[in-house]
PDB file of N, CA and C in Angstrom:
ATOM      1  N   MET A   1     -33.231 -40.014 -17.657  1.00  0.00           N
ATOM      2  CA  MET A   1     -31.863 -39.770 -17.749  1.00  0.00           C
ATOM      3  C   MET A   1     -31.599 -38.511 -16.484  1.00  0.00           C
ATOM      4  N   LYS A   2     -30.792 -38.493 -15.421  1.00  0.00           N
ATOM      5  CA  LYS A   2     -30.214 -37.622 -14.779  1.00  0.00           C
ATOM      6  C   LYS A   2     -29.320 -36.756 -15.213  1.00  0.00           C
ATOM      7  N   LYS A   3     -29.545 -35.373 -14.736  1.00  0.00           N
ATOM      8  CA  LYS A   3     -28.948 -34.470 -15.211  1.00  0.00           C
ATOM      9  C   LYS A   3     -27.547 -34.324 -14.369  1.00  0.00           C
ATOM     10  N   ALA A   4     -26.358 -33.865 -14.559  1.00  0.00           N
ATOM     11  CA  ALA A   4     -25.268 -33.901 -13.737  1.00  0.00           C
ATOM     12  C   ALA A   4     -25.205 -32.815 -13.194  1.00  0.00           C
ATOM     13  N   GLN A   5     -25.036 -32.672 -11.832  1.00  0.00           N
ATOM     14  CA  GLN A   5     -25.111 -31.610 -11.000  1.00  0.00           C
ATOM     15  C   GLN A   5     -23.868 -30.958 -10.923  1.00  0.00           C
ATOM     16  N   GLY A   6     -23.741 -29.897 -10.868  1.00  0.00           N
ATOM     17  CA  GLY A   6     -22.319 -28.918 -10.597  1.00  0.00           C
ATOM     18  C   GLY A   6     -22.575 -28.108  -9.565  1.00  0.00           C
ATOM     19  N   LEU A   7     -21.446 -27.287  -9.202  1.00  0.00           N
ATOM     20  CA  LEU A   7     -21.060 -26.369  -8.329  1.00  0.00           C
ATOM     21  C   LEU A   7     -21.948 -25.047  -8.268  1.00  0.00           C
ATOM     22  N   SER A   8     -22.637 -24.844  -7.401  1.00  0.00           N
ATOM     23  CA  SER A   8     -23.736 -23.791  -7.438  1.00  0.00           C
ATOM     24  C   SER A   8     -22.912 -22.359  -7.382  1.00  0.00           C
ATOM     25  N   LEU A   9     -23.425 -21.156  -7.863  1.00  0.00           N
ATOM     26  CA  LEU A   9     -22.472 -20.014  -8.109  1.00  0.00           C
ATOM     27  C   LEU A   9     -22.334 -19.496  -6.896  1.00  0.00           C
ATOM     28  N   ASN A  10     -23.037 -19.712  -5.640  1.00  0.00           N
ATOM     29  CA  ASN A  10     -22.742 -19.192  -4.254  1.00  0.00           C
ATOM     30  C   ASN A  10     -21.395 -20.140  -3.959  1.00  0.00           C
ATOM     31  N   THR A  11     -21.376 -21.239  -4.148  1.00  0.00           N
ATOM     32  CA  THR A  11     -20.235 -22.037  -3.637  1.00  0.00           C
ATOM     33  C   THR A  11     -18.960 -21.888  -4.038  1.00  0.00           C
ATOM     34  N   ILE A  12     -19.027 -21.262  -5.248  1.00  0.00           N
ATOM     35  CA  ILE A  12     -17.681 -20.834  -5.961  1.00  0.00           C
ATOM     36  C   ILE A  12     -17.496 -19.470  -5.418  1.00  0.00           C
ATOM     37  N   ILE A  13     -18.205 -18.549  -5.251  1.00  0.00           N
ATOM     38  CA  ILE A  13     -18.034 -17.547  -4.751  1.00  0.00           C
ATOM     39  C   ILE A  13     -17.808 -17.378  -3.013  1.00  0.00           C
ATOM     40  N   ILE A  14     -18.217 -18.358  -2.449  1.00  0.00           N
ATOM     41  CA  ILE A  14     -17.738 -18.428  -0.920  1.00  0.00           C
ATOM     42  C   ILE A  14     -16.223 -19.170  -1.110  1.00  0.00           C
ATOM     43  N   ALA A  15     -15.937 -20.107  -1.797  1.00  0.00           N
ATOM     44  CA  ALA A  15     -14.719 -20.626  -1.947  1.00  0.00           C
ATOM     45  C   ALA A  15     -13.459 -19.769  -2.246  1.00  0.00           C
ATOM     46  N   ALA A  16     -13.873 -18.777  -3.321  1.00  0.00           N
ATOM     47  CA  ALA A  16     -12.833 -17.882  -3.601  1.00  0.00           C
ATOM     48  C   ALA A  16     -12.637 -17.088  -2.427  1.00  0.00           C
ATOM     49  N   LEU A  17     -13.788 -16.354  -1.443  1.00  0.00           N
ATOM     50  CA  LEU A  17     -13.770 -15.526  -0.845  1.00  0.00           C
ATOM     51  C   LEU A  17     -12.687 -16.110   0.668  1.00  0.00           C
ATOM     52  N   VAL A  18     -12.973 -17.480   0.700  1.00  0.00           N
ATOM     53  CA  VAL A  18     -12.274 -18.013   1.837  1.00  0.00           C
ATOM     54  C   VAL A  18     -10.819 -18.018   1.547  1.00  0.00           C
ATOM     55  N   ILE A  19     -10.490 -18.325   0.032  1.00  0.00           N
ATOM     56  CA  ILE A  19      -9.061 -18.469  -0.088  1.00  0.00           C
ATOM     57  C   ILE A  19      -8.327 -17.140  -0.165  1.00  0.00           C
ATOM     58  N   MET A  20      -9.168 -15.842  -0.472  1.00  0.00           N
ATOM     59  CA  MET A  20      -8.420 -14.530  -0.549  1.00  0.00           C
ATOM     60  C   MET A  20      -8.016 -14.558   1.295  1.00  0.00           C
ATOM     61  N   VAL A  21      -9.463 -14.837   2.121  1.00  0.00           N
ATOM     62  CA  VAL A  21      -9.035 -14.496   3.116  1.00  0.00           C
ATOM     63  C   VAL A  21      -7.845 -15.218   4.135  1.00  0.00           C
ATOM     64  N   LEU A  22      -7.558 -16.628   3.543  1.00  0.00           N
ATOM     65  CA  LEU A  22      -6.500 -17.101   3.870  1.00  0.00           C
ATOM     66  C   LEU A  22      -5.050 -16.906   3.559  1.00  0.00           C
ATOM     67  N   VAL A  23      -5.213 -16.299   2.077  1.00  0.00           N
ATOM     68  CA  VAL A  23      -4.170 -15.888   1.656  1.00  0.00           C
ATOM     69  C   VAL A  23      -3.715 -14.480   2.706  1.00  0.00           C
ATOM     70  N   ILE A  24      -4.337 -13.579   2.800  1.00  0.00           N
ATOM     71  CA  ILE A  24      -4.174 -12.343   3.430  1.00  0.00           C
ATOM     72  C   ILE A  24      -4.070 -12.783   5.062  1.00  0.00           C
ATOM     73  N   LEU A  25      -4.303 -13.642   5.682  1.00  0.00           N
ATOM     74  CA  LEU A  25      -3.987 -14.437   7.105  1.00  0.00           C
ATOM     75  C   LEU A  25      -2.411 -14.783   7.009  1.00  0.00           C
ATOM     76  N   ILE A  26      -2.109 -15.531   6.111  1.00  0.00           N
ATOM     77  CA  ILE A  26      -0.729 -15.871   5.742  1.00  0.00           C
ATOM     78  C   ILE A  26       0.174 -14.838   5.804  1.00  0.00           C
ATOM     79  N   LEU A  27      -0.236 -13.826   4.792  1.00  0.00           N
ATOM     80  CA  LEU A  27       0.511 -12.765   4.827  1.00  0.00           C
ATOM     81  C   LEU A  27       0.855 -11.906   6.022  1.00  0.00           C
ATOM     82  N   VAL A  28      -0.252 -11.916   6.761  1.00  0.00           N
ATOM     83  CA  VAL A  28       0.027 -10.793   7.955  1.00  0.00           C
ATOM     84  C   VAL A  28       0.820 -11.649   8.907  1.00  0.00           C
ATOM     85  N   PHE A  29       0.537 -13.133   9.127  1.00  0.00           N
ATOM     86  CA  PHE A  29       1.233 -13.728  10.196  1.00  0.00           C
ATOM     87  C   PHE A  29       2.580 -14.113  10.116  1.00  0.00           C
ATOM     88  N   THR A  30       3.103 -13.930   8.253  1.00  0.00           N
ATOM     89  CA  THR A  30       4.440 -14.444   8.306  1.00  0.00           C
ATOM     90  C   THR A  30       5.291 -12.979   8.072  1.00  0.00           C
ATOM     91  N   GLY A  31       4.411 -11.892   8.314  1.00  0.00           N
ATOM     92  CA  GLY A  31       5.136 -10.526   8.333  1.00  0.00           C
ATOM     93  C   GLY A  31       5.328 -10.003   7.168  1.00  0.00           C
ATOM     94  N   ARG A  32       4.811 -10.513   6.095  1.00  0.00           N
ATOM     95  CA  ARG A  32       4.927  -9.972   4.610  1.00  0.00           C
ATOM     96  C   ARG A  32       4.133  -8.644   4.418  1.00  0.00           C
ATOM     97  N   MET A  33       3.012  -8.272   5.123  1.00  0.00           N
ATOM     98  CA  MET A  33       2.457  -7.454   4.946  1.00  0.00           C
ATOM     99  C   MET A  33       3.320  -5.997   5.580  1.00  0.00           C
ATOM    100  N   GLY A  34       3.918  -6.069   6.542  1.00  0.00           N
ATOM    101  CA  GLY A  34       4.808  -5.064   7.412  1.00  0.00           C
ATOM    102  C   GLY A  34       5.595  -4.522   6.568  1.00  0.00           C
ATOM    103  N   SER A  35       6.236  -5.211   5.539  1.00  0.00           N
ATOM    104  CA  SER A  35       7.400  -4.794   4.530  1.00  0.00           C
ATOM    105  C   SER A  35       6.463  -3.847   3.316  1.00  0.00           C
ATOM    106  N   PHE A  36       5.206  -4.370   3.225  1.00  0.00           N
ATOM    107  CA  PHE A  36       4.728  -3.456   2.228  1.00  0.00           C
ATOM    108  C   PHE A  36       4.229  -2.096   2.746  1.00  0.00           C
ATOM    109  N   SER A  37       3.494  -2.173   3.832  1.00  0.00           N
ATOM    110  CA  SER A  37       3.117  -0.997   4.436  1.00  0.00           C
ATOM    111  C   SER A  37       4.362  -0.046   4.856  1.00  0.00           C
ATOM    112  N   LYS A  38       5.557  -0.494   5.156  1.00  0.00           N
ATOM    113  CA  LYS A  38       6.644   0.182   5.447  1.00  0.00           C
ATOM    114  C   LYS A  38       7.202   1.026   4.028  1.00  0.00           C
ATOM    115  N   SER A  39       7.217   0.401   2.975  1.00  0.00           N
ATOM    116  CA  SER A  39       7.475   0.984   1.778  1.00  0.00           C
ATOM    117  C   SER A  39       6.596   1.947   1.200  1.00  0.00           C
ATOM    118  N   SER A  40       5.100   1.658   1.414  1.00  0.00           N
ATOM    119  CA  SER A  40       4.207   2.449   1.101  1.00  0.00           C
ATOM    120  C   SER A  40       4.083   3.836   1.780  1.00  0.00           C
ATOM    121  N   GLU A  41       4.727   3.753   2.982  1.00  0.00           N
ATOM    122  CA  GLU A  41       4.974   5.021   3.686  1.00  0.00           C
ATOM    123  C   GLU A  41       6.167   5.969   3.311  1.00  0.00           C
ATOM    124  N   SER A  42       7.213   5.234   2.638  1.00  0.00           N
ATOM    125  CA  SER A  42       8.279   6.173   2.325  1.00  0.00           C
ATOM    126  C   SER A  42       7.972   7.398   1.376  1.00  0.00           C
ATOM    127  N   CYS A  43       9.070   8.408   1.551  1.00  0.00           N
ATOM    128  CA  CYS A  43       8.583   9.533   0.731  1.00  0.00           C
ATOM    129  C   CYS A  43       8.729   9.285  -0.803  1.00  0.00           C
ATOM    130  N   GLN A  44       9.729   8.767  -1.109  1.00  0.00           N
ATOM    131  CA  GLN A  44       9.806   8.378  -2.584  1.00  0.00           C
ATOM    132  C   GLN A  44       8.475   7.823  -3.283  1.00  0.00           C
ATOM    133  N   SER A  45       7.996   6.802  -2.060  1.00  0.00           N
ATOM    134  CA  SER A  45       6.681   6.157  -3.027  1.00  0.00           C
ATOM    135  C   SER A  45       5.565   6.980  -3.031  1.00  0.00           C
ATOM    136  N   LYS A  46       5.741   8.347  -2.396  1.00  0.00           N
ATOM    137  CA  LYS A  46       4.646   9.579  -2.212  1.00  0.00           C
ATOM    138  C   LYS A  46       4.931  10.381  -3.491  1.00  0.00           C
ATOM    139  N   GLY A  47       6.131   9.818  -4.416  1.00  0.00           N
ATOM    140  CA  GLY A  47       6.318  11.174  -5.254  1.00  0.00           C
ATOM    141  C   GLY A  47       7.175  12.162  -5.118  1.00  0.00           C
ATOM    142  N   GLY A  48       7.659  12.000  -3.520  1.00  0.00           N
ATOM    143  CA  GLY A  48       8.598  13.140  -3.091  1.00  0.00           C
ATOM    144  C   GLY A  48      10.220  12.659  -2.871  1.00  0.00           C
ATOM    145  N   ILE A  49      10.777  13.615  -2.226  1.00  0.00           N
ATOM    146  CA  ILE A  49      12.343  13.663  -2.314  1.00  0.00           C
ATOM    147  C   ILE A  49      12.635  13.903  -0.891  1.00  0.00           C
ATOM    148  N   CYS A  50      13.362  13.659  -0.324  1.00  0.00           N
ATOM    149  CA  CYS A  50      13.784  13.719   1.028  1.00  0.00           C
ATOM    150  C   CYS A  50      15.158  14.532   0.919  1.00  0.00           C
ATOM    151  N   SER A  51      15.169  15.826   1.567  1.00  0.00           N
ATOM    152  CA  SER A  51      16.281  16.559   1.504  1.00  0.00           C
ATOM    153  C   SER A  51      16.261  17.448   2.761  1.00  0.00           C
ATOM    154  N   SER A  52      17.174  17.910   3.109  1.00  0.00           N
ATOM    155  CA  SER A  52      17.734  19.240   4.344  1.00  0.00           C
ATOM    156  C   SER A  52      17.586  20.149   3.852  1.00  0.00           C
ATOM    157  N   GLY A  53      17.020  21.162   4.720  1.00  0.00           N
ATOM    158  CA  GLY A  53      17.024  22.585   4.295  1.00  0.00           C
ATOM    159  C   GLY A  53      15.771  23.332   3.629  1.00  0.00           C
ATOM    160  N   GLU A  54      16.196  24.042   2.643  1.00  0.00           N
ATOM    161  CA  GLU A  54      14.900  24.645   2.129  1.00  0.00           C
ATOM    162  C   GLU A  54      14.371  23.483   0.994  1.00  0.00           C
ATOM    163  N   ALA A  55      12.967  23.855   0.685  1.00  0.00           N
ATOM    164  CA  ALA A  55      12.382  23.068  -0.341  1.00  0.00           C
ATOM    165  C   ALA A  55      12.842  23.315  -1.496  1.00  0.00           C
ATOM    166  N   PRO A  56      13.299  22.255  -2.574  1.00  0.00           N
ATOM    167  CA  PRO A  56      13.764  22.549  -3.688  1.00  0.00           C
ATOM    168  C   PRO A  56      12.517  23.176  -4.799  1.00  0.00           C
ATOM    169  N   ASP A  57      12.963  23.792  -5.652  1.00  0.00           N
ATOM    170  CA  ASP A  57      12.055  24.651  -6.594  1.00  0.00           C
ATOM    171  C   ASP A  57      10.880  23.700  -7.150  1.00  0.00           C
ATOM    172  N   GLY A  58       9.843  24.287  -6.970  1.00  0.00           N
ATOM    173  CA  GLY A  58       8.669  23.195  -7.443  1.00  0.00           C
ATOM    174  C   GLY A  58       8.271  22.401  -6.400  1.00  0.00           C
ATOM    175  N   TYR A  59       8.608  22.252  -5.298  1.00  0.00           N
ATOM    176  CA  TYR A  59       8.470  21.425  -4.298  1.00  0.00           C
ATOM    177  C   TYR A  59       7.653  22.095  -2.771  1.00  0.00           C
ATOM    178  N   MET A  60       7.130  21.526  -1.967  1.00  0.00           N
ATOM    179  CA  MET A  60       6.750  21.976  -0.869  1.00  0.00           C
ATOM    180  C   MET A  60       6.583  20.749   0.375  1.00  0.00           C
ATOM    181  N   ALA A  61       6.851  21.217   1.648  1.00  0.00           N
ATOM    182  CA  ALA A  61       6.828  20.324   2.485  1.00  0.00           C
ATOM    183  C   ALA A  61       5.665  19.424   2.491  1.00  0.00           C
ATOM    184  N   GLY A  62       6.058  18.194   2.489  1.00  0.00           N
ATOM    185  CA  GLY A  62       4.665  17.316   2.364  1.00  0.00           C
ATOM    186  C   GLY A  62       4.175  17.192   3.999  1.00  0.00           C
ATOM    187  N   ILE A  63       3.009  17.437   4.195  1.00  0.00           N
ATOM    188  CA  ILE A  63       2.454  17.181   5.570  1.00  0.00           C
ATOM    189  C   ILE A  63       1.136  16.446   5.639  1.00  0.00           C
ATOM    190  N   GLY A  64       1.186  15.468   6.739  1.00  0.00           N
ATOM    191  CA  GLY A  64      -0.165  14.512   6.620  1.00  0.00           C
ATOM    192  C   GLY A  64       0.114  13.376   5.657  1.00  0.00           C
ATOM    193  N   VAL A  65      -0.825  13.047   4.892  1.00  0.00           N
ATOM    194  CA  VAL A  65      -0.919  12.007   3.970  1.00  0.00           C
ATOM    195  C   VAL A  65      -0.123  12.225   3.077  1.00  0.00           C
ATOM    196  N   LEU A  66       0.390  13.637   2.549  1.00  0.00           N
ATOM    197  CA  LEU A  66       1.135  13.935   1.381  1.00  0.00           C
ATOM    198  C   LEU A  66       2.660  13.436   1.953  1.00  0.00           C
ATOM    199  N   GLY A  67       3.089  13.779   2.981  1.00  0.00           N
ATOM    200  CA  GLY A  67       4.263  13.591   3.702  1.00  0.00           C
ATOM    201  C   GLY A  67       4.793  12.058   3.722  1.00  0.00           C
ATOM    202  N   GLY A  68       6.234  11.728   3.660  1.00  0.00           N
ATOM    203  CA  GLY A  68       6.390  10.436   3.931  1.00  0.00           C
ATOM    204  C   GLY A  68       7.295  10.455   4.837  1.00  0.00           C
ATOM    205  N   GLU A  69       8.343   9.167   4.926  1.00  0.00           N
ATOM    206  CA  GLU A  69       9.283   9.160   5.923  1.00  0.00           C
ATOM    207  C   GLU A  69      10.523   9.279   5.350  1.00  0.00           C
ATOM    208  N   CYS A  70      11.396  10.263   6.085  1.00  0.00           N
ATOM    209  CA  CYS A  70      12.441  10.557   5.555  1.00  0.00           C
ATOM    210  C   CYS A  70      13.397  10.203   6.867  1.00  0.00           C
ATOM    211  N   PRO A  71      14.892  10.450   6.552  1.00  0.00           N
ATOM    212  CA  PRO A  71      15.647  10.121   7.688  1.00  0.00           C
ATOM    213  C   PRO A  71      15.335  11.533   8.719  1.00  0.00           C
ATOM    214  N   GLU A  72      15.748  11.324   9.861  1.00  0.00           N
ATOM    215  CA  GLU A  72      15.803  12.150  11.023  1.00  0.00           C
ATOM    216  C   GLU A  72      16.043  13.674  10.689  1.00  0.00           C
ATOM    217  N   ASP A  73      17.056  13.753   9.982  1.00  0.00           N
ATOM    218  CA  ASP A  73      17.670  15.346   9.904  1.00  0.00           C
ATOM    219  C   ASP A  73      16.924  15.760   8.053  1.00  0.00           C
ATOM    220  N   GLN A  74      16.351  15.189   7.918  1.00  0.00           N
ATOM    221  CA  GLN A  74      15.753  15.547   6.547  1.00  0.00           C
ATOM    222  C   GLN A  74      14.048  15.691   6.372  1.00  0.00           C
ATOM    223  N   THR A  75      13.481  16.298   5.268  1.00  0.00           N
ATOM    224  CA  THR A  75      12.086  16.847   5.338  1.00  0.00           C
ATOM    225  C   THR A  75      11.771  15.914   3.760  1.00  0.00           C
ATOM    226  N   CYS A  76      10.634  15.415   3.918  1.00  0.00           N
ATOM    227  CA  CYS A  76       9.931  14.853   2.871  1.00  0.00           C
ATOM    228  C   CYS A  76       9.177  15.986   1.988  1.00  0.00           C
ATOM    229  N   TYR A  77       9.631  16.426   0.519  1.00  0.00           N
ATOM    230  CA  TYR A  77       8.848  17.434  -0.129  1.00  0.00           C
ATOM    231  C   TYR A  77       8.368  16.839  -1.286  1.00  0.00           C
ATOM    232  N   VAL A  78       7.171  17.438  -1.678  1.00  0.00           N
ATOM    233  CA  VAL A  78       6.463  16.975  -2.727  1.00  0.00           C
ATOM    234  C   VAL A  78       5.987  17.851  -3.704  1.00  0.00           C
ATOM    235  N   LYS A  79       5.969  17.501  -4.815  1.00  0.00           N
ATOM    236  CA  LYS A  79       5.743  18.420  -5.875  1.00  0.00           C
ATOM    237  C   LYS A  79       4.580  19.416  -5.752  1.00  0.00           C
ATOM    238  N   LYS A  80       4.555  20.425  -6.096  1.00  0.00           N
ATOM    239  CA  LYS A  80       3.449  21.422  -5.643  1.00  0.00           C
ATOM    240  C   LYS A  80       2.610  21.256  -6.820  1.00  0.00           C
ATOM    241  N   ILE A  81       1.298  21.582  -6.855  1.00  0.00           N
ATOM    242  CA  ILE A  81       0.315  21.357  -7.713  1.00  0.00           C
ATOM    243  C   ILE A  81      -0.127  22.700  -8.273  1.00  0.00           C
ATOM    244  N   ALA A  82      -0.031  22.670  -9.496  1.00  0.00           N
ATOM    245  CA  ALA A  82      -0.140  24.145 -10.471  1.00  0.00           C
ATOM    246  C   ALA A  82      -1.782  24.543 -10.060  1.00  0.00           C
TER     247      ALA A  82
END
């Protein structure tokens, strides 16, 4: 009697990787990734607040990775680490 042959584990892993790459390519070429990266760069997404003038109590100006994007006349302020 012959045993039924199934898909090997390598074939299943390669198929899963191919599907993930295809999904990423579709997102990139349809412009969906751009909207995600814009929202992840915002001040609020980094736990900060946009404000003009001096930093509110308990906050400091976010610089570099800590800072996010705010309107032109405002600065991103993030919570101070105690």
